[in-house]
Amino acid sequence: MKALAPLALSTSIKGLTTIFNTPKMFIGANVFPEGPVVGPSTMDTLANRCAKKRAFIVTDEFGNKFAAKAARFLQSGGFTVEIWPRCLPEAPMEVVAECAKAMKAYEPDLIMAVGGGSVMDSAKAAWVLYERPDIIDLGMISPLDKLNLRQKAILVAVPTTAGTGSECTGVSVIHDNAASRKIPITHDELFPDFAILDPQFTISMPPKLTAGTGLDVLAHAMDSVTTPAANEITEPLALKAIEMVFQWLPRAYQNGQDKEARHRMLIAASIAGMAFGNNGGAHLTHSFGHSLGAVFNLHHGMCVGFFLPQTLQFCSPVTDKHLLICRTLGIEAKDAKKGLVKLVARVRSFLTELGVPLTLKELGISRADFNAHFDKLVKFAFEDVDCYLSPRPITAAQCAQVFRYAYDGRDIDF
């Protein structure tokens, strides 16, 4: 399967039928207007889709203040609103089930996720359970299934971080605490109907979270370029997102009040989401990042960003598409090998600029803990669904070798 998946996702096969999804987007400082507006407004669009005008806002403790603003906006248009602020980081399965139970009790026709990736992932998964109470195991959902969502409610995504791009993808990643692993759900029907991007909602992110979420954008975009599933629509989107991250993330990291940087990073996250959300998904950065984050309880974005150098190096024997990234970043290279060396050096310098260590050892993982959890790290990475999207199929032994090299910061040479 790992060997056949890149072929099945290639443009030669997908060219038979290519589907491109994106929500209708509202972007800017006035997406939640508090007074009269000229022309059609966000409210006009939402109200036309909701006969009952019953809105259920999914958020967490951090996003509660933003959810309150969204609630006031909805109420000004005649919606009855309930806020459910109990989401937790990493979208635990039991919390998703609790959220779905509250949805069923309230019976909304509009579900709005206000928060970061975990909130949007929780809202998507709970929405599935609300629409389809017959589904017992979310992990068994196949991209080939017909879910027939939107019989009860539409989905609106309002990000408060500039990272996951979940507002523009059909992906939800939930966490099975009992097994200590992440379960990705990918389905064409999970794309939100609307995405509302208010840069003011991201201003309060601290520097470390700003860096982590921004690196998630970069990992999505770089994987989207090198994957065999890239096409003429997703490739330029991914390259633009890469350009924007290198330009705007350091500014947002250094000065969280830089409104222009916040605005541009929010757009970059959505652009990268469109890219990887429409070409199958991210690949090895997320396989290794999911594993590392789950085992050692580290931030998702930081983990996937950490593995960018290793992923670029591992995939280079079968693709020279990293040269597209070189051109985007103005890196001159006479051939693919020299381009790879320069690009990896640029990425490592970028990680250092954002305060991200270049070795697992420097992340604070002791050799004893690394060895104790090594088998689980390898198992989770190798079995992760994103492994199937790698341009270069990877074995369990190679996964193990990548982790060993990453611990000490060695270049991938196999």
Protein backbone atom coordinates (compact mmCIF):
# COMPACT_ATOMS: atom_id res chain seq x y z
CA MET A 1 0.00 0.00 0.00
CA LYS A 2 2.79 2.44 0.86
CA ALA A 3 4.41 1.80 -2.50
CA LEU A 4 1.16 2.11 -4.48
CA ALA A 5 -0.26 5.18 -2.73
CA PRO A 6 2.11 7.73 -4.36
CA LEU A 7 1.24 6.29 -7.77
CA ALA A 8 -2.49 6.38 -7.06
CA LEU A 9 -2.25 10.03 -5.97
CA SER A 10 -0.10 11.17 -8.89
CA THR A 11 -1.45 13.61 -11.45
CA SER A 12 -1.46 10.92 -14.12
CA ILE A 13 -4.16 9.08 -12.16
CA LYS A 14 -5.90 12.02 -10.48
CA GLY A 15 -6.07 13.71 -13.85
CA LEU A 16 -9.01 11.45 -14.60
CA THR A 17 -11.04 13.34 -11.98
CA THR A 18 -9.68 16.14 -9.80
CA ILE A 19 -11.84 17.75 -7.10
CA PHE A 20 -10.83 21.06 -5.54
CA ASN A 21 -12.64 22.17 -2.39
CA THR A 22 -12.51 25.46 -0.55
CA PRO A 23 -14.97 27.15 1.81
CA LYS A 24 -16.40 30.56 1.08
CA MET A 25 -14.04 32.88 2.93
CA PHE A 26 -14.47 36.18 4.76
CA ILE A 27 -11.10 37.79 5.53
CA GLY A 28 -10.21 40.99 7.34
CA ALA A 29 -10.82 43.25 10.31
CA ASN A 30 -14.53 43.76 9.58
CA VAL A 31 -15.75 40.18 9.15
CA PHE A 32 -17.79 40.51 12.35
CA PRO A 33 -19.23 44.01 11.78
CA GLU A 34 -20.89 45.70 14.73
CA GLY A 35 -22.74 48.28 12.66
CA PRO A 36 -24.14 48.84 9.16
CA VAL A 37 -22.07 47.61 6.22
CA VAL A 38 -22.10 48.39 2.51
CA GLY A 39 -23.03 45.44 0.31
CA PRO A 40 -23.55 41.79 1.31
CA SER A 41 -22.19 40.94 4.76
CA THR A 42 -21.09 37.79 6.53
CA MET A 43 -24.48 37.68 8.21
CA ASP A 44 -26.39 37.80 4.91
CA THR A 45 -24.59 34.66 3.75
CA LEU A 46 -24.96 32.71 6.99
CA ALA A 47 -28.61 33.62 7.57
CA ASN A 48 -29.59 32.45 4.10
CA ARG A 49 -28.33 28.95 4.91
CA CYS A 50 -29.95 28.56 8.33
CA ALA A 51 -33.73 28.37 8.55
CA LYS A 52 -33.87 27.71 12.32
CA LYS A 53 -31.09 30.17 13.15
CA ARG A 54 -29.78 28.05 16.00
CA ALA A 55 -26.00 28.39 16.35
CA PHE A 56 -23.76 26.13 18.45
CA ILE A 57 -20.29 27.59 19.03
CA VAL A 58 -17.51 25.13 19.84
CA THR A 59 -14.48 26.66 21.59
CA ASP A 60 -12.07 26.26 24.50
CA GLU A 61 -11.09 28.33 27.52
CA PHE A 62 -8.62 30.43 25.50
CA GLY A 63 -11.08 31.09 22.68
CA ASN A 64 -14.03 31.92 24.90
CA LYS A 65 -13.57 35.69 24.56
CA PHE A 66 -13.53 35.41 20.77
CA ALA A 67 -16.53 33.09 20.85
CA ALA A 68 -18.39 35.76 22.83
CA LYS A 69 -17.73 38.28 20.04
CA ALA A 70 -18.92 35.78 17.42
CA ALA A 71 -22.01 35.07 19.53
CA ARG A 72 -22.91 38.77 19.74
CA PHE A 73 -22.56 39.02 15.99
CA LEU A 74 -24.82 36.01 15.40
CA GLN A 75 -27.39 37.27 17.90
CA SER A 76 -27.50 40.62 16.08
CA GLY A 77 -28.73 38.69 13.05
CA GLY A 78 -31.47 36.87 14.90
CA PHE A 79 -29.62 33.67 15.85
CA THR A 80 -30.11 31.89 19.12
CA VAL A 81 -26.65 30.91 20.37
CA GLU A 82 -25.15 28.37 22.74
CA ILE A 83 -21.42 28.41 23.50
CA TRP A 84 -19.72 25.12 24.37
CA PRO A 85 -16.25 26.04 25.75
CA ARG A 86 -14.95 22.63 26.89
CA CYS A 87 -12.54 21.65 24.09
CA LEU A 88 -9.13 20.42 25.21
CA PRO A 89 -5.74 20.33 23.42
CA GLU A 90 -5.22 17.46 20.95
CA ALA A 91 -9.01 16.86 20.66
CA PRO A 92 -9.45 13.85 23.00
CA MET A 93 -12.06 11.35 21.78
CA GLU A 94 -14.07 11.51 25.00
CA VAL A 95 -14.34 15.31 24.74
CA VAL A 96 -15.49 15.00 21.12
CA ALA A 97 -18.21 12.60 22.27
CA GLU A 98 -19.29 15.02 25.00
CA CYS A 99 -19.47 17.85 22.47
CA ALA A 100 -21.58 15.77 20.09
CA LYS A 101 -23.97 14.95 22.94
CA ALA A 102 -24.43 18.68 23.65
CA MET A 103 -25.06 19.31 19.95
CA LYS A 104 -27.77 16.67 19.86
CA ALA A 105 -29.46 18.25 22.88
CA TYR A 106 -29.39 21.74 21.31
CA GLU A 107 -30.17 20.76 17.69
CA PRO A 108 -28.34 23.58 15.87
CA ASP A 109 -28.45 24.25 12.14
CA LEU A 110 -25.16 26.16 12.32
CA ILE A 111 -22.02 24.85 14.05
CA MET A 112 -19.21 27.38 14.47
CA ALA A 113 -15.71 26.37 15.60
CA VAL A 114 -13.84 29.29 17.19
CA GLY A 115 -10.30 28.32 18.12
CA GLY A 116 -7.11 26.63 17.04
CA GLY A 117 -6.61 23.31 15.33
CA SER A 118 -7.79 21.20 18.25
CA VAL A 119 -11.05 23.14 18.48
CA MET A 120 -11.73 22.86 14.75
CA ASP A 121 -10.81 19.16 14.79
CA SER A 122 -13.14 18.59 17.75
CA ALA A 123 -15.99 20.48 16.06
CA LYS A 124 -15.62 18.52 12.82
CA ALA A 125 -15.58 15.16 14.58
CA ALA A 126 -18.51 16.08 16.86
CA TRP A 127 -20.42 17.34 13.81
CA VAL A 128 -20.05 13.92 12.21
CA LEU A 129 -21.45 12.24 15.33
CA TYR A 130 -24.29 14.77 15.47
CA GLU A 131 -25.23 14.18 11.84
CA ARG A 132 -24.55 10.45 11.94
CA PRO A 133 -25.34 9.00 15.40
CA ASP A 134 -25.02 5.54 13.86
CA ILE A 135 -21.23 5.97 13.54
CA ILE A 136 -19.61 4.33 16.55
CA ASP A 137 -15.91 4.48 15.68
CA LEU A 138 -14.63 7.69 14.06
CA GLY A 139 -11.34 5.97 13.30
CA MET A 140 -13.10 3.64 10.87
CA ILE A 141 -14.34 6.43 8.58
CA SER A 142 -13.00 5.92 5.07
CA PRO A 143 -12.43 8.75 2.57
CA LEU A 144 -14.48 6.60 0.18
CA ASP A 145 -17.56 6.51 2.42
CA LYS A 146 -20.59 8.72 1.75
CA LEU A 147 -21.31 10.50 5.04
CA ASN A 148 -24.21 12.66 3.77
CA LEU A 149 -23.45 15.50 6.17
CA ARG A 150 -25.32 18.83 6.24
CA GLN A 151 -28.71 17.24 6.75
CA LYS A 152 -28.89 19.00 10.12
CA ALA A 153 -26.27 21.76 10.16
CA ILE A 154 -23.56 23.60 8.23
CA LEU A 155 -20.05 24.15 9.56
CA VAL A 156 -18.25 27.50 9.99
CA ALA A 157 -14.58 27.68 11.02
CA VAL A 158 -13.08 30.72 12.75
CA PRO A 159 -9.35 30.18 13.49
CA THR A 160 -7.67 31.87 16.45
CA THR A 161 -4.22 30.59 15.46
CA ALA A 162 -2.38 30.81 12.15
CA GLY A 163 -1.27 27.25 11.71
CA THR A 164 -3.38 24.20 11.05
CA GLY A 165 -5.32 25.55 8.08
CA SER A 166 -8.14 23.30 9.28
CA GLU A 167 -10.62 25.98 8.22
CA CYS A 168 -9.75 25.02 4.62
CA THR A 169 -9.33 21.23 4.88
CA GLY A 170 -11.40 18.09 5.14
CA VAL A 171 -9.16 16.76 7.91
CA SER A 172 -9.79 16.22 11.61
CA VAL A 173 -7.15 14.77 13.95
CA ILE A 174 -8.43 13.44 17.25
CA HIS A 175 -6.52 11.84 20.11
CA ASP A 176 -7.06 8.41 21.63
CA ASN A 177 -5.73 8.89 25.15
CA ALA A 178 -6.07 5.21 26.00
CA ALA A 179 -3.70 4.25 23.20
CA SER A 180 -1.65 7.50 23.37
CA ARG A 181 -1.93 8.07 19.64
CA LYS A 182 -3.52 10.41 17.13
CA ILE A 183 -6.27 9.34 14.73
CA PRO A 184 -6.51 11.39 11.52
CA ILE A 185 -9.89 11.50 9.76
CA THR A 186 -9.89 12.65 6.14
CA HIS A 187 -13.05 13.12 4.14
CA ASP A 188 -14.25 15.34 1.31
CA GLU A 189 -17.41 16.28 3.26
CA LEU A 190 -15.44 17.63 6.25
CA PHE A 191 -14.47 20.85 4.47
CA PRO A 192 -16.19 23.73 6.32
CA ASP A 193 -18.86 25.62 4.43
CA PHE A 194 -17.43 28.98 5.51
CA ALA A 195 -14.11 30.21 6.91
CA ILE A 196 -14.01 33.54 8.74
CA LEU A 197 -10.52 34.99 9.21
CA ASP A 198 -10.22 37.83 11.71
CA PRO A 199 -6.51 38.65 12.31
CA GLN A 200 -7.42 40.32 15.60
CA PHE A 201 -8.23 36.85 16.95
CA THR A 202 -4.55 35.81 16.62
CA ILE A 203 -2.94 38.87 18.22
CA SER A 204 -2.77 37.37 21.73
CA MET A 205 -0.76 34.28 20.74
CA PRO A 206 2.54 34.19 22.69
CA PRO A 207 5.82 33.88 20.74
CA LYS A 208 6.29 30.14 21.29
CA LEU A 209 2.78 29.35 20.07
CA THR A 210 3.21 31.77 17.17
CA ALA A 211 6.37 29.90 16.10
CA GLY A 212 4.80 26.46 16.51
CA THR A 213 1.65 27.23 14.57
CA GLY A 214 3.63 29.01 11.87
CA LEU A 215 5.91 26.00 11.43
CA ASP A 216 2.81 23.85 10.97
CA VAL A 217 1.96 26.08 7.99
CA LEU A 218 5.47 25.61 6.61
CA ALA A 219 5.33 21.83 6.99
CA HIS A 220 1.96 21.66 5.24
CA ALA A 221 3.25 23.76 2.38
CA MET A 222 6.60 22.05 1.90
CA ASP A 223 5.02 18.60 1.99
CA SER A 224 2.43 19.82 -0.51
CA VAL A 225 5.18 20.72 -2.97
CA THR A 226 7.13 17.48 -2.73
CA THR A 227 4.20 15.07 -2.64
CA PRO A 228 3.41 13.23 -5.89
CA ALA A 229 -0.20 14.32 -5.39
CA ALA A 230 0.66 17.98 -6.09
CA ASN A 231 -1.02 19.48 -9.14
CA GLU A 232 -1.19 22.74 -11.06
CA ILE A 233 -3.60 24.25 -8.52
CA THR A 234 -2.08 23.11 -5.22
CA GLU A 235 1.57 23.63 -6.14
CA PRO A 236 1.50 27.43 -6.60
CA LEU A 237 -0.64 27.77 -3.47
CA ALA A 238 1.92 25.83 -1.43
CA LEU A 239 4.83 27.81 -2.83
CA LYS A 240 3.10 31.10 -2.03
CA ALA A 241 2.46 29.92 1.54
CA ILE A 242 6.17 29.07 1.92
CA GLU A 243 7.16 32.50 0.69
CA MET A 244 4.74 34.17 3.11
CA VAL A 245 5.90 32.14 6.12
CA PHE A 246 9.53 33.05 5.59
CA GLN A 247 8.56 36.71 5.17
CA TRP A 248 5.96 37.18 7.89
CA LEU A 249 6.44 34.55 10.63
CA PRO A 250 9.63 36.11 12.07
CA ARG A 251 7.81 39.45 12.31
CA ALA A 252 4.81 37.90 14.07
CA TYR A 253 7.16 35.96 16.37
CA GLN A 254 9.19 39.02 17.33
CA ASN A 255 6.20 41.35 17.71
CA GLY A 256 2.84 39.78 18.36
CA GLN A 257 1.13 43.17 17.93
CA ASP A 258 2.26 43.43 14.30
CA LYS A 259 -1.20 43.37 12.75
CA GLU A 260 0.02 43.07 9.17
CA ALA A 261 2.18 40.05 10.02
CA ARG A 262 -0.74 38.44 11.85
CA HIS A 263 -3.04 39.10 8.89
CA ARG A 264 -0.59 37.62 6.37
CA MET A 265 0.17 34.54 8.48
CA LEU A 266 -3.55 33.84 8.86
CA ILE A 267 -3.91 33.92 5.08
CA ALA A 268 -0.77 31.78 4.64
CA ALA A 269 -2.24 29.13 6.95
CA SER A 270 -5.43 28.97 4.91
CA ILE A 271 -3.54 28.87 1.60
CA ALA A 272 -1.40 25.99 2.85
CA GLY A 273 -4.58 24.30 4.10
CA MET A 274 -6.09 24.53 0.62
CA ALA A 275 -2.92 23.02 -0.84
CA PHE A 276 -2.50 19.99 1.40
CA GLY A 277 -6.25 19.62 1.92
CA ASN A 278 -6.78 19.12 -1.81
CA ASN A 279 -3.82 16.94 -2.69
CA GLY A 280 -4.16 14.17 -0.15
CA GLY A 281 -2.48 15.70 2.87
CA ALA A 282 0.93 16.28 4.39
CA HIS A 283 3.43 13.43 4.47
CA LEU A 284 6.53 12.53 6.50
CA THR A 285 6.83 15.74 8.54
CA HIS A 286 3.48 14.82 10.05
CA SER A 287 4.13 11.09 10.39
CA PHE A 288 7.17 11.79 12.56
CA GLY A 289 5.66 14.89 14.15
CA HIS A 290 2.46 13.09 15.15
CA SER A 291 4.52 10.34 16.78
CA LEU A 292 6.90 12.66 18.63
CA GLY A 293 4.09 14.90 19.85
CA ALA A 294 1.95 12.02 21.08
CA VAL A 295 4.75 10.18 22.90
CA PHE A 296 6.42 13.18 24.56
CA ASN A 297 3.42 15.56 24.73
CA LEU A 298 5.05 18.27 22.59
CA HIS A 299 3.35 20.94 20.47
CA HIS A 300 2.22 19.61 17.11
CA GLY A 301 3.50 22.50 15.00
CA MET A 302 6.92 22.51 16.60
CA CYS A 303 7.21 18.74 16.09
CA VAL A 304 6.31 18.75 12.38
CA GLY A 305 8.51 21.79 11.75
CA PHE A 306 11.41 20.05 13.49
CA PHE A 307 11.32 17.22 10.95
CA LEU A 308 11.44 19.43 7.84
CA PRO A 309 15.20 18.95 7.23
CA GLN A 310 14.99 15.17 7.67
CA THR A 311 11.95 14.90 5.38
CA LEU A 312 13.55 16.96 2.62
CA GLN A 313 16.71 14.87 2.79
CA PHE A 314 14.94 11.51 2.91
CA CYS A 315 12.72 12.30 -0.09
CA SER A 316 15.48 13.81 -2.25
CA PRO A 317 16.59 10.52 -3.91
CA VAL A 318 13.22 10.27 -5.69
CA THR A 319 12.26 13.90 -6.32
CA ASP A 320 13.93 17.19 -7.19
CA LYS A 321 10.82 19.27 -6.48
CA HIS A 322 12.63 20.91 -3.58
CA LEU A 323 14.19 23.05 -6.32
CA LEU A 324 10.81 24.75 -6.70
CA ILE A 325 11.10 25.82 -3.07
CA CYS A 326 14.66 27.00 -3.69
CA ARG A 327 13.48 29.24 -6.52
CA THR A 328 10.66 30.61 -4.38
CA LEU A 329 13.13 31.54 -1.63
CA GLY A 330 15.72 32.94 -4.04
CA ILE A 331 18.21 30.14 -3.38
CA GLU A 332 20.50 29.67 -6.38
CA ALA A 333 21.51 26.08 -7.12
CA LYS A 334 23.17 24.47 -10.13
CA ASP A 335 21.66 21.06 -9.43
CA ALA A 336 19.26 19.24 -7.09
CA LYS A 337 21.98 18.07 -4.70
CA LYS A 338 23.40 21.55 -4.12
CA GLY A 339 19.90 22.97 -3.88
CA LEU A 340 19.03 20.47 -1.17
CA VAL A 341 22.08 21.38 0.90
CA LYS A 342 21.31 25.10 0.68
CA LEU A 343 17.59 24.64 1.36
CA VAL A 344 18.17 22.46 4.43
CA ALA A 345 20.66 25.04 5.74
CA ARG A 346 18.07 27.81 5.20
CA VAL A 347 15.37 25.81 7.02
CA ARG A 348 17.68 25.06 9.95
CA SER A 349 18.62 28.72 10.21
CA PHE A 350 14.91 29.59 10.17
CA LEU A 351 14.17 27.09 12.95
CA THR A 352 16.98 28.55 15.05
CA GLU A 353 15.63 32.06 14.48
CA LEU A 354 12.32 30.87 15.95
CA GLY A 355 13.95 29.25 18.98
CA VAL A 356 13.43 25.66 17.82
CA PRO A 357 16.25 23.19 18.68
CA LEU A 358 17.80 21.17 15.85
CA THR A 359 18.14 17.88 17.78
CA LEU A 360 15.80 15.80 19.89
CA LYS A 361 18.43 15.90 22.60
CA GLU A 362 18.18 19.70 22.72
CA LEU A 363 14.40 19.39 23.01
CA GLY A 364 15.04 18.07 26.51
CA ILE A 365 14.50 14.39 25.74
CA SER A 366 17.03 12.36 27.70
CA ARG A 367 18.77 9.40 26.11
CA ALA A 368 17.10 7.11 28.66
CA ASP A 369 13.60 8.39 27.83
CA PHE A 370 14.35 8.25 24.12
CA ASN A 371 15.44 4.62 24.35
CA ALA A 372 12.52 3.69 26.61
CA HIS A 373 9.97 5.07 24.13
CA PHE A 374 11.86 4.28 20.95
CA ASP A 375 9.76 1.32 19.80
CA LYS A 376 6.55 3.31 20.30
CA LEU A 377 7.98 6.28 18.39
CA VAL A 378 8.81 4.06 15.42
CA LYS A 379 5.50 2.19 15.52
CA PHE A 380 3.39 5.36 15.63
CA ALA A 381 5.36 7.02 12.84
CA PHE A 382 5.35 3.99 10.55
CA GLU A 383 1.62 3.31 11.03
CA ASP A 384 0.60 6.96 10.63
CA VAL A 385 -1.63 7.51 7.61
CA ASP A 386 0.57 10.36 6.34
CA CYS A 387 3.34 7.85 5.71
CA TYR A 388 1.32 6.61 2.74
CA LEU A 389 1.59 10.02 1.08
CA SER A 390 5.38 10.18 1.04
CA PRO A 391 6.96 10.41 -2.43
CA ARG A 392 9.51 7.88 -1.20
CA PRO A 393 7.95 4.84 0.52
CA ILE A 394 9.48 4.33 3.96
CA THR A 395 10.08 1.16 5.97
CA ALA A 396 9.90 0.71 9.73
CA ALA A 397 13.68 0.30 9.82
CA GLN A 398 14.10 3.61 7.99
CA CYS A 399 11.70 5.30 10.43
CA ALA A 400 13.87 4.06 13.26
CA GLN A 401 16.98 5.38 11.55
CA VAL A 402 15.41 8.81 11.04
CA PHE A 403 14.65 9.06 14.76
CA ARG A 404 18.20 8.02 15.66
CA TYR A 405 19.66 10.61 13.33
CA ALA A 406 17.24 13.29 14.58
CA TYR A 407 18.27 12.68 18.19
CA ASP A 408 21.83 13.75 17.45
CA GLY A 409 21.11 16.09 14.52
CA ARG A 410 22.78 14.01 11.79
CA ASP A 411 22.02 14.51 8.09
CA ILE A 412 19.93 11.77 6.48
CA ASP A 413 22.32 9.83 4.23
CA PHE A 414 20.31 6.71 3.39
